[in-house]
Amino acid sequence: MKTDKSIRDMTIAAIKRKSMDIDSWNQSRIADVKSNELADMFKLAINELPVFEIKSECAHALISTRQILELNDEGLKRGLSQF
């Protein structure tokens, strides 16, 4: 079974290979793996790592190594890919 770190590393490598001008993205970015704030905000499990973050005026979404999460006015919503 792959570790969270290897999943994150492979995903970010793929994003960087296929993306153009990452620095110009306004509402999305590769998530900071050292961000305790993201881990706390999205209630990530032990060893689960943030991969990609999307922020808009009405929601804040996070793709982690295990699930897709959305935080909005209604609270935290977990996506279908939760393991």
C-alpha atoms as a PDB file:
ATOM      1  CA  MET A   1       0.000   0.000   0.000  1.00  0.00           C
ATOM      2  CA  LYS A   2       1.299   3.461  -0.863  1.00  0.00           C
ATOM      3  CA  THR A   3       2.055   5.919   1.913  1.00  0.00           C
ATOM      4  CA  ASP A   4       0.368   9.308   2.136  1.00  0.00           C
ATOM      5  CA  LYS A   5       3.708  10.960   1.339  1.00  0.00           C
ATOM      6  CA  SER A   6       4.178   8.940  -1.857  1.00  0.00           C
ATOM      7  CA  ILE A   7       0.582   9.648  -2.949  1.00  0.00           C
ATOM      8  CA  ARG A   8       1.125  13.368  -2.356  1.00  0.00           C
ATOM      9  CA  ASP A   9       4.485  13.392  -4.154  1.00  0.00           C
ATOM     10  CA  MET A  10       3.120  11.570  -7.227  1.00  0.00           C
ATOM     11  CA  THR A  11       0.039  13.802  -7.416  1.00  0.00           C
ATOM     12  CA  ILE A  12       2.029  17.022  -7.150  1.00  0.00           C
ATOM     13  CA  ALA A  13       4.529  15.806  -9.755  1.00  0.00           C
ATOM     14  CA  ALA A  14       1.626  15.137 -12.144  1.00  0.00           C
ATOM     15  CA  ILE A  15       0.103  18.560 -11.478  1.00  0.00           C
ATOM     16  CA  LYS A  16       3.427  20.276 -12.153  1.00  0.00           C
ATOM     17  CA  ARG A  17       3.990  18.269 -15.360  1.00  0.00           C
ATOM     18  CA  LYS A  18       0.592  19.174 -16.809  1.00  0.00           C
ATOM     19  CA  SER A  19       0.011  22.691 -15.471  1.00  0.00           C
ATOM     20  CA  MET A  20       1.021  25.986 -16.962  1.00  0.00           C
ATOM     21  CA  ASP A  21       2.041  29.022 -14.918  1.00  0.00           C
ATOM     22  CA  ILE A  22       1.083  27.728 -11.482  1.00  0.00           C
ATOM     23  CA  ASP A  23       2.077  31.049  -9.870  1.00  0.00           C
ATOM     24  CA  SER A  24      -0.742  32.860 -11.695  1.00  0.00           C
ATOM     25  CA  TRP A  25      -3.517  30.720 -10.222  1.00  0.00           C
ATOM     26  CA  ASN A  26      -5.891  32.919  -8.234  1.00  0.00           C
ATOM     27  CA  GLN A  27      -8.148  30.560  -6.321  1.00  0.00           C
ATOM     28  CA  SER A  28      -6.221  27.298  -6.288  1.00  0.00           C
ATOM     29  CA  ARG A  29      -2.799  26.158  -5.187  1.00  0.00           C
ATOM     30  CA  ILE A  30      -0.752  23.202  -4.097  1.00  0.00           C
ATOM     31  CA  ALA A  31      -1.408  22.880  -0.386  1.00  0.00           C
ATOM     32  CA  ASP A  32       1.348  23.461   2.152  1.00  0.00           C
ATOM     33  CA  VAL A  33       2.167  20.093   3.688  1.00  0.00           C
ATOM     34  CA  LYS A  34       3.444  21.777   6.860  1.00  0.00           C
ATOM     35  CA  SER A  35       0.255  23.746   7.436  1.00  0.00           C
ATOM     36  CA  ASN A  36      -1.196  22.688  10.769  1.00  0.00           C
ATOM     37  CA  GLU A  37      -3.955  25.208  10.103  1.00  0.00           C
ATOM     38  CA  LEU A  38      -5.237  23.184   7.127  1.00  0.00           C
ATOM     39  CA  ALA A  39      -5.000  19.911   9.048  1.00  0.00           C
ATOM     40  CA  ASP A  40      -6.980  21.372  11.943  1.00  0.00           C
ATOM     41  CA  MET A  41      -9.515  23.233   9.783  1.00  0.00           C
ATOM     42  CA  PHE A  42     -10.365  20.159   7.717  1.00  0.00           C
ATOM     43  CA  LYS A  43      -9.919  17.660  10.562  1.00  0.00           C
ATOM     44  CA  LEU A  44      -7.392  15.516   8.709  1.00  0.00           C
ATOM     45  CA  ALA A  45      -6.533  12.088  10.107  1.00  0.00           C
ATOM     46  CA  ILE A  46      -3.092  11.269  11.470  1.00  0.00           C
ATOM     47  CA  ASN A  47      -0.598  11.012   8.563  1.00  0.00           C
ATOM     48  CA  GLU A  48      -3.205  12.298   6.052  1.00  0.00           C
ATOM     49  CA  LEU A  49      -1.626  15.063   3.957  1.00  0.00           C
ATOM     50  CA  PRO A  50      -3.140  18.044   2.119  1.00  0.00           C
ATOM     51  CA  VAL A  51      -2.475  18.022  -1.630  1.00  0.00           C
ATOM     52  CA  PHE A  52      -4.468  20.753  -3.368  1.00  0.00           C
ATOM     53  CA  GLU A  53      -6.518  23.666  -2.078  1.00  0.00           C
ATOM     54  CA  ILE A  54      -9.253  25.719  -3.767  1.00  0.00           C
ATOM     55  CA  LYS A  55     -10.651  28.888  -2.200  1.00  0.00           C
ATOM     56  CA  SER A  56     -13.584  30.911  -3.454  1.00  0.00           C
ATOM     57  CA  GLU A  57     -15.887  33.497  -1.933  1.00  0.00           C
ATOM     58  CA  CYS A  58     -18.407  30.850  -0.895  1.00  0.00           C
ATOM     59  CA  ALA A  59     -16.303  27.749  -0.139  1.00  0.00           C
ATOM     60  CA  HIS A  60     -12.874  26.392   0.694  1.00  0.00           C
ATOM     61  CA  ALA A  61     -12.071  22.927  -0.654  1.00  0.00           C
ATOM     62  CA  LEU A  62      -9.171  20.603   0.021  1.00  0.00           C
ATOM     63  CA  ILE A  63      -8.059  17.494  -1.788  1.00  0.00           C
ATOM     64  CA  SER A  64      -6.048  15.378   0.607  1.00  0.00           C
ATOM     65  CA  THR A  65      -4.279  12.077   0.183  1.00  0.00           C
ATOM     66  CA  ARG A  66      -7.427  10.290   1.375  1.00  0.00           C
ATOM     67  CA  GLN A  67     -10.484  12.405   0.617  1.00  0.00           C
ATOM     68  CA  ILE A  68     -12.044  15.536  -0.868  1.00  0.00           C
ATOM     69  CA  LEU A  69     -13.387  18.038   1.662  1.00  0.00           C
ATOM     70  CA  GLU A  70     -15.344  21.287   1.424  1.00  0.00           C
ATOM     71  CA  LEU A  71     -15.770  23.916   4.098  1.00  0.00           C
ATOM     72  CA  ASN A  72     -18.579  26.435   3.620  1.00  0.00           C
ATOM     73  CA  ASP A  73     -21.235  28.277   5.628  1.00  0.00           C
ATOM     74  CA  GLU A  74     -22.962  24.968   6.355  1.00  0.00           C
ATOM     75  CA  GLY A  75     -19.833  23.405   7.829  1.00  0.00           C
ATOM     76  CA  LEU A  76     -17.447  20.657   6.751  1.00  0.00           C
ATOM     77  CA  LYS A  77     -18.570  18.301   4.007  1.00  0.00           C
ATOM     78  CA  ARG A  78     -16.628  15.167   3.093  1.00  0.00           C
ATOM     79  CA  GLY A  79     -16.604  13.980  -0.513  1.00  0.00           C
ATOM     80  CA  LEU A  80     -17.213  10.590  -2.066  1.00  0.00           C
ATOM     81  CA  SER A  81     -13.574   9.539  -2.146  1.00  0.00           C
ATOM     82  CA  GLN A  82     -13.281   9.134   1.613  1.00  0.00           C
ATOM     83  CA  PHE A  83     -11.501   5.895   2.632  1.00  0.00           C
END
